[in-house]
């Protein structure tokens, strides 16, 4: 990013120049970004867990409905 370019963010359809943020506002913004990453990661993990659970349910049902003779 060039020096004359300003980093802006949009909140509620209003643009804000981050260079004018106080240290507290920058910290809040960083928390928001970190929480978004964590939420995205958590949703990804939930998807994996659901697929794994579904696979084990199918495996159990298949085993119960088609028992192998010993």
PDB file of N, CA and C in Angstrom:
ATOM      1  N   UNK A   1       0.854  -1.178   0.000  1.00  0.00           N
ATOM      2  CA  UNK A   1       0.000   0.000   0.000  1.00  0.00           C
ATOM      3  C   UNK A   1       0.900   1.241   0.000  1.00  0.00           C
ATOM      4  N   UNK A   2       0.608   2.180  -0.848  1.00  0.00           N
ATOM      5  CA  UNK A   2       1.379   3.418  -0.913  1.00  0.00           C
ATOM      6  C   UNK A   2       1.131   4.254   0.335  1.00  0.00           C
ATOM      7  N   UNK A   3       2.109   5.124   0.612  1.00  0.00           N
ATOM      8  CA  UNK A   3       1.994   5.931   1.830  1.00  0.00           C
ATOM      9  C   UNK A   3       0.780   6.848   1.830  1.00  0.00           C
ATOM     10  N   UNK A   4       0.375   7.310   0.640  1.00  0.00           N
ATOM     11  CA  UNK A   4      -0.741   8.247   0.594  1.00  0.00           C
ATOM     12  C   UNK A   4      -2.102   7.545   0.608  1.00  0.00           C
ATOM     13  N   UNK A   5      -2.097   6.219   0.515  1.00  0.00           N
ATOM     14  CA  UNK A   5      -3.363   5.484   0.586  1.00  0.00           C
ATOM     15  C   UNK A   5      -3.766   5.313   2.046  1.00  0.00           C
ATOM     16  N   UNK A   6      -5.032   5.565   2.323  1.00  0.00           N
ATOM     17  CA  UNK A   6      -5.532   5.412   3.684  1.00  0.00           C
ATOM     18  C   UNK A   6      -6.242   4.081   3.808  1.00  0.00           C
ATOM     19  N   UNK A   7      -6.038   3.427   4.947  1.00  0.00           N
ATOM     20  CA  UNK A   7      -6.768   2.193   5.206  1.00  0.00           C
ATOM     21  C   UNK A   7      -8.097   2.580   5.829  1.00  0.00           C
ATOM     22  N   UNK A   8      -9.165   2.199   5.143  1.00  0.00           N
ATOM     23  CA  UNK A   8     -10.497   2.522   5.652  1.00  0.00           C
ATOM     24  C   UNK A   8     -11.268   1.232   5.885  1.00  0.00           C
ATOM     25  N   UNK A   9     -12.192   1.310   6.801  1.00  0.00           N
ATOM     26  CA  UNK A   9     -13.129   0.212   7.033  1.00  0.00           C
ATOM     27  C   UNK A   9     -14.532   0.797   6.970  1.00  0.00           C
ATOM     28  N   UNK A  10     -15.473  -0.070   6.637  1.00  0.00           N
ATOM     29  CA  UNK A  10     -16.868   0.365   6.551  1.00  0.00           C
ATOM     30  C   UNK A  10     -17.663  -0.325   7.645  1.00  0.00           C
ATOM     31  N   UNK A  11     -18.350   0.473   8.435  1.00  0.00           N
ATOM     32  CA  UNK A  11     -19.215  -0.025   9.510  1.00  0.00           C
ATOM     33  C   UNK A  11     -20.558   0.683   9.363  1.00  0.00           C
ATOM     34  N   UNK A  12     -21.614  -0.104   9.267  1.00  0.00           N
ATOM     35  CA  UNK A  12     -22.956   0.453   9.099  1.00  0.00           C
ATOM     36  C   UNK A  12     -23.019   1.446   7.936  1.00  0.00           C
ATOM     37  N   UNK A  13     -22.442   1.036   6.813  1.00  0.00           N
ATOM     38  CA  UNK A  13     -22.451   1.831   5.580  1.00  0.00           C
ATOM     39  C   UNK A  13     -21.704   3.166   5.699  1.00  0.00           C
ATOM     40  N   UNK A  14     -20.836   3.303   6.678  1.00  0.00           N
ATOM     41  CA  UNK A  14     -20.058   4.525   6.833  1.00  0.00           C
ATOM     42  C   UNK A  14     -18.580   4.151   6.840  1.00  0.00           C
ATOM     43  N   UNK A  15     -17.773   4.879   6.049  1.00  0.00           N
ATOM     44  CA  UNK A  15     -16.344   4.605   5.987  1.00  0.00           C
ATOM     45  C   UNK A  15     -15.611   5.354   7.089  1.00  0.00           C
ATOM     46  N   UNK A  16     -14.619   4.662   7.664  1.00  0.00           N
ATOM     47  CA  UNK A  16     -13.786   5.247   8.716  1.00  0.00           C
ATOM     48  C   UNK A  16     -12.321   5.101   8.326  1.00  0.00           C
ATOM     49  N   UNK A  17     -11.547   6.147   8.522  1.00  0.00           N
ATOM     50  CA  UNK A  17     -10.115   6.138   8.271  1.00  0.00           C
ATOM     51  C   UNK A  17      -9.431   5.592   9.523  1.00  0.00           C
ATOM     52  N   UNK A  18      -8.794   4.439   9.366  1.00  0.00           N
ATOM     53  CA  UNK A  18      -8.189   3.804  10.533  1.00  0.00           C
ATOM     54  C   UNK A  18      -7.013   4.592  11.105  1.00  0.00           C
ATOM     55  N   UNK A  19      -6.423   5.479  10.311  1.00  0.00           N
ATOM     56  CA  UNK A  19      -5.302   6.265  10.834  1.00  0.00           C
ATOM     57  C   UNK A  19      -5.757   7.249  11.909  1.00  0.00           C
ATOM     58  N   UNK A  20      -7.083   7.454  11.991  1.00  0.00           N
ATOM     59  CA  UNK A  20      -7.603   8.369  13.015  1.00  0.00           C
ATOM     60  C   UNK A  20      -8.042   7.626  14.276  1.00  0.00           C
ATOM     61  N   UNK A  21      -7.928   6.294  14.267  1.00  0.00           N
ATOM     62  CA  UNK A  21      -8.371   5.499  15.418  1.00  0.00           C
ATOM     63  C   UNK A  21      -7.451   5.705  16.613  1.00  0.00           C
ATOM     64  N   UNK A  22      -8.056   5.725  17.784  1.00  0.00           N
ATOM     65  CA  UNK A  22      -7.272   5.735  19.017  1.00  0.00           C
ATOM     66  C   UNK A  22      -6.683   4.336  19.217  1.00  0.00           C
ATOM     67  N   UNK A  23      -5.766   4.198  20.155  1.00  0.00           N
ATOM     68  CA  UNK A  23      -5.187   2.885  20.451  1.00  0.00           C
ATOM     69  C   UNK A  23      -6.283   1.905  20.886  1.00  0.00           C
ATOM     70  N   UNK A  24      -7.233   2.409  21.647  1.00  0.00           N
ATOM     71  CA  UNK A  24      -8.338   1.552  22.105  1.00  0.00           C
ATOM     72  C   UNK A  24      -9.189   1.085  20.917  1.00  0.00           C
ATOM     73  N   UNK A  25      -9.444   1.972  19.983  1.00  0.00           N
ATOM     74  CA  UNK A  25     -10.235   1.606  18.803  1.00  0.00           C
ATOM     75  C   UNK A  25      -9.487   0.606  17.921  1.00  0.00           C
ATOM     76  N   UNK A  26      -8.171   0.786  17.775  1.00  0.00           N
ATOM     77  CA  UNK A  26      -7.362  -0.176  17.025  1.00  0.00           C
ATOM     78  C   UNK A  26      -7.419  -1.539  17.713  1.00  0.00           C
ATOM     79  N   UNK A  27      -7.325  -1.561  19.040  1.00  0.00           N
ATOM     80  CA  UNK A  27      -7.393  -2.817  19.782  1.00  0.00           C
ATOM     81  C   UNK A  27      -8.752  -3.488  19.574  1.00  0.00           C
ATOM     82  N   UNK A  28      -9.837  -2.704  19.609  1.00  0.00           N
ATOM     83  CA  UNK A  28     -11.169  -3.274  19.378  1.00  0.00           C
ATOM     84  C   UNK A  28     -11.273  -3.852  17.971  1.00  0.00           C
ATOM     85  N   UNK A  29     -10.751  -3.129  16.981  1.00  0.00           N
ATOM     86  CA  UNK A  29     -10.757  -3.611  15.600  1.00  0.00           C
ATOM     87  C   UNK A  29      -9.981  -4.926  15.496  1.00  0.00           C
ATOM     88  N   UNK A  30      -8.811  -4.980  16.128  1.00  0.00           N
ATOM     89  CA  UNK A  30      -8.006  -6.205  16.099  1.00  0.00           C
ATOM     90  C   UNK A  30      -8.735  -7.372  16.770  1.00  0.00           C
ATOM     91  N   UNK A  31      -9.438  -7.107  17.853  1.00  0.00           N
ATOM     92  CA  UNK A  31     -10.238  -8.147  18.507  1.00  0.00           C
ATOM     93  C   UNK A  31     -11.331  -8.662  17.569  1.00  0.00           C
ATOM     94  N   UNK A  32     -11.978  -7.736  16.882  1.00  0.00           N
ATOM     95  CA  UNK A  32     -13.039  -8.127  15.943  1.00  0.00           C
ATOM     96  C   UNK A  32     -12.471  -9.018  14.852  1.00  0.00           C
ATOM     97  N   UNK A  33     -11.331  -8.632  14.280  1.00  0.00           N
ATOM     98  CA  UNK A  33     -10.711  -9.430  13.225  1.00  0.00           C
ATOM     99  C   UNK A  33     -10.321 -10.815  13.742  1.00  0.00           C
ATOM    100  N   UNK A  34      -9.754 -10.868  14.940  1.00  0.00           N
ATOM    101  CA  UNK A  34      -9.348 -12.146  15.533  1.00  0.00           C
ATOM    102  C   UNK A  34     -10.565 -13.028  15.810  1.00  0.00           C
ATOM    103  N   UNK A  35     -11.633 -12.432  16.314  1.00  0.00           N
ATOM    104  CA  UNK A  35     -12.852 -13.191  16.591  1.00  0.00           C
ATOM    105  C   UNK A  35     -13.475 -13.718  15.297  1.00  0.00           C
ATOM    106  N   UNK A  36     -13.429 -12.939  14.228  1.00  0.00           N
ATOM    107  CA  UNK A  36     -13.940 -13.414  12.936  1.00  0.00           C
ATOM    108  C   UNK A  36     -13.159 -14.637  12.472  1.00  0.00           C
ATOM    109  N   UNK A  37     -11.819 -14.576  12.592  1.00  0.00           N
ATOM    110  CA  UNK A  37     -10.991 -15.727  12.208  1.00  0.00           C
ATOM    111  C   UNK A  37     -11.335 -16.946  13.058  1.00  0.00           C
ATOM    112  N   UNK A  38     -11.500 -16.728  14.358  1.00  0.00           N
ATOM    113  CA  UNK A  38     -11.823 -17.835  15.264  1.00  0.00           C
ATOM    114  C   UNK A  38     -13.197 -18.423  14.950  1.00  0.00           C
ATOM    115  N   UNK A  39     -14.166 -17.570  14.655  1.00  0.00           N
ATOM    116  CA  UNK A  39     -15.500 -18.055  14.295  1.00  0.00           C
ATOM    117  C   UNK A  39     -15.460 -18.854  13.000  1.00  0.00           C
ATOM    118  N   UNK A  40     -14.732 -18.348  12.009  1.00  0.00           N
ATOM    119  CA  UNK A  40     -14.593 -19.085  10.751  1.00  0.00           C
ATOM    120  C   UNK A  40     -13.958 -20.449  10.993  1.00  0.00           C
ATOM    121  N   UNK A  41     -12.926 -20.483  11.819  1.00  0.00           N
ATOM    122  CA  UNK A  41     -12.252 -21.737  12.146  1.00  0.00           C
ATOM    123  C   UNK A  41     -13.185 -22.672  12.903  1.00  0.00           C
ATOM    124  N   UNK A  42     -13.949 -22.131  13.828  1.00  0.00           N
ATOM    125  CA  UNK A  42     -14.892 -22.952  14.598  1.00  0.00           C
ATOM    126  C   UNK A  42     -15.960 -23.549  13.690  1.00  0.00           C
ATOM    127  N   UNK A  43     -16.475 -22.760  12.755  1.00  0.00           N
ATOM    128  CA  UNK A  43     -17.482 -23.269  11.822  1.00  0.00           C
ATOM    129  C   UNK A  43     -16.893 -24.358  10.932  1.00  0.00           C
ATOM    130  N   UNK A  44     -15.654 -24.193  10.519  1.00  0.00           N
ATOM    131  CA  UNK A  44     -14.962 -25.212   9.738  1.00  0.00           C
ATOM    132  C   UNK A  44     -14.857 -26.506  10.542  1.00  0.00           C
ATOM    133  N   UNK A  45     -14.480 -26.376  11.822  1.00  0.00           N
ATOM    134  CA  UNK A  45     -14.371 -27.545  12.700  1.00  0.00           C
ATOM    135  C   UNK A  45     -15.721 -28.215  12.925  1.00  0.00           C
ATOM    136  N   UNK A  46     -16.768 -27.432  13.078  1.00  0.00           N
ATOM    137  CA  UNK A  46     -18.110 -27.995  13.250  1.00  0.00           C
ATOM    138  C   UNK A  46     -18.500 -28.804  12.013  1.00  0.00           C
ATOM    139  N   UNK A  47     -18.202 -28.271  10.832  1.00  0.00           N
ATOM    140  CA  UNK A  47     -18.488 -29.013   9.597  1.00  0.00           C
ATOM    141  C   UNK A  47     -17.762 -30.352   9.589  1.00  0.00           C
ATOM    142  N   UNK A  48     -16.488 -30.343   9.956  1.00  0.00           N
ATOM    143  CA  UNK A  48     -15.723 -31.588  10.008  1.00  0.00           C
ATOM    144  C   UNK A  48     -16.315 -32.562  11.021  1.00  0.00           C
ATOM    145  N   UNK A  49     -16.686 -32.065  12.173  1.00  0.00           N
ATOM    146  CA  UNK A  49     -17.255 -32.921  13.209  1.00  0.00           C
ATOM    147  C   UNK A  49     -18.577 -33.529  12.771  1.00  0.00           C
ATOM    148  N   UNK A  50     -19.402 -32.734  12.112  1.00  0.00           N
ATOM    149  CA  UNK A  50     -20.697 -33.250  11.634  1.00  0.00           C
ATOM    150  C   UNK A  50     -20.495 -34.342  10.588  1.00  0.00           C
ATOM    151  N   UNK A  51     -19.572 -34.123   9.666  1.00  0.00           N
ATOM    152  CA  UNK A  51     -19.302 -35.136   8.645  1.00  0.00           C
ATOM    153  C   UNK A  51     -18.776 -36.407   9.307  1.00  0.00           C
ATOM    154  N   UNK A  52     -17.886 -36.262  10.264  1.00  0.00           N
ATOM    155  CA  UNK A  52     -17.365 -37.426  10.990  1.00  0.00           C
ATOM    156  C   UNK A  52     -18.458 -38.156  11.744  1.00  0.00           C
ATOM    157  N   UNK A  53     -19.309 -37.422  12.408  1.00  0.00           N
ATOM    158  CA  UNK A  53     -20.413 -38.036  13.142  1.00  0.00           C
ATOM    159  C   UNK A  53     -21.329 -38.786  12.184  1.00  0.00           C
ATOM    160  N   UNK A  54     -21.685 -38.147  11.074  1.00  0.00           N
ATOM    161  CA  UNK A  54     -22.548 -38.802  10.090  1.00  0.00           C
ATOM    162  C   UNK A  54     -21.915 -40.086   9.575  1.00  0.00           C
ATOM    163  N   UNK A  55     -20.610 -40.066   9.340  1.00  0.00           N
ATOM    164  CA  UNK A  55     -19.918 -41.264   8.855  1.00  0.00           C
ATOM    165  C   UNK A  55     -19.999 -42.386   9.880  1.00  0.00           C
ATOM    166  N   UNK A  56     -19.778 -42.075  11.146  1.00  0.00           N
ATOM    167  CA  UNK A  56     -19.854 -43.108  12.180  1.00  0.00           C
ATOM    168  C   UNK A  56     -21.276 -43.628  12.360  1.00  0.00           C
ATOM    169  N   UNK A  57     -22.263 -42.763  12.224  1.00  0.00           N
ATOM    170  CA  UNK A  57     -23.657 -43.213  12.300  1.00  0.00           C
ATOM    171  C   UNK A  57     -23.943 -44.184  11.163  1.00  0.00           C
ATOM    172  N   UNK A  58     -23.515 -43.821   9.941  1.00  0.00           N
ATOM    173  CA  UNK A  58     -23.724 -44.724   8.797  1.00  0.00           C
ATOM    174  C   UNK A  58     -23.010 -46.053   9.012  1.00  0.00           C
ATOM    175  N   UNK A  59     -21.799 -46.001   9.537  1.00  0.00           N
ATOM    176  CA  UNK A  59     -21.037 -47.232   9.787  1.00  0.00           C
ATOM    177  C   UNK A  59     -21.742 -48.109  10.818  1.00  0.00           C
ATOM    178  N   UNK A  60     -22.258 -47.499  11.891  1.00  0.00           N
ATOM    179  CA  UNK A  60     -22.948 -48.258  12.927  1.00  0.00           C
ATOM    180  C   UNK A  60     -24.228 -48.869  12.389  1.00  0.00           C
ATOM    181  N   UNK A  61     -25.012 -48.062  11.675  1.00  0.00           N
ATOM    182  CA  UNK A  61     -26.264 -48.568  11.100  1.00  0.00           C
ATOM    183  C   UNK A  61     -25.966 -49.714  10.149  1.00  0.00           C
ATOM    184  N   UNK A  62     -24.962 -49.544   9.301  1.00  0.00           N
ATOM    185  CA  UNK A  62     -24.595 -50.600   8.370  1.00  0.00           C
ATOM    186  C   UNK A  62     -24.175 -51.867   9.110  1.00  0.00           C
ATOM    187  N   UNK A  63     -23.433 -51.721  10.170  1.00  0.00           N
ATOM    188  CA  UNK A  63     -22.982 -52.885  10.953  1.00  0.00           C
ATOM    189  C   UNK A  63     -24.155 -53.584  11.628  1.00  0.00           C
ATOM    190  N   UNK A  64     -25.096 -52.803  12.152  1.00  0.00           N
ATOM    191  CA  UNK A  64     -26.237 -53.385  12.840  1.00  0.00           C
ATOM    192  C   UNK A  64     -27.198 -54.058  11.856  1.00  0.00           C
ATOM    193  N   UNK A  65     -27.342 -53.477  10.673  1.00  0.00           N
ATOM    194  CA  UNK A  65     -28.277 -54.030   9.691  1.00  0.00           C
ATOM    195  C   UNK A  65     -27.682 -55.168   8.875  1.00  0.00           C
ATOM    196  N   UNK A  66     -26.365 -55.248   8.845  1.00  0.00           N
ATOM    197  CA  UNK A  66     -25.699 -56.280   8.070  1.00  0.00           C
ATOM    198  C   UNK A  66     -24.604 -56.944   8.905  1.00  0.00           C
ATOM    199  N   UNK A  67     -25.008 -57.637   9.969  1.00  0.00           N
ATOM    200  CA  UNK A  67     -23.979 -58.244  10.831  1.00  0.00           C
ATOM    201  C   UNK A  67     -23.219 -59.332  10.063  1.00  0.00           C
ATOM    202  N   UNK A  68     -21.932 -59.333  10.283  1.00  0.00           N
ATOM    203  CA  UNK A  68     -21.099 -60.356   9.649  1.00  0.00           C
ATOM    204  C   UNK A  68     -21.134 -61.615  10.506  1.00  0.00           C
ATOM    205  N   UNK A  69     -21.181 -62.758   9.839  1.00  0.00           N
ATOM    206  CA  UNK A  69     -21.154 -64.005  10.588  1.00  0.00           C
ATOM    207  C   UNK A  69     -19.748 -64.302  11.034  1.00  0.00           C
ATOM    208  N   UNK A  70     -19.626 -64.738  12.277  1.00  0.00           N
ATOM    209  CA  UNK A  70     -18.310 -65.064  12.829  1.00  0.00           C
ATOM    210  C   UNK A  70     -17.964 -66.489  12.548  1.00  0.00           C
TER     211      UNK A  70
END
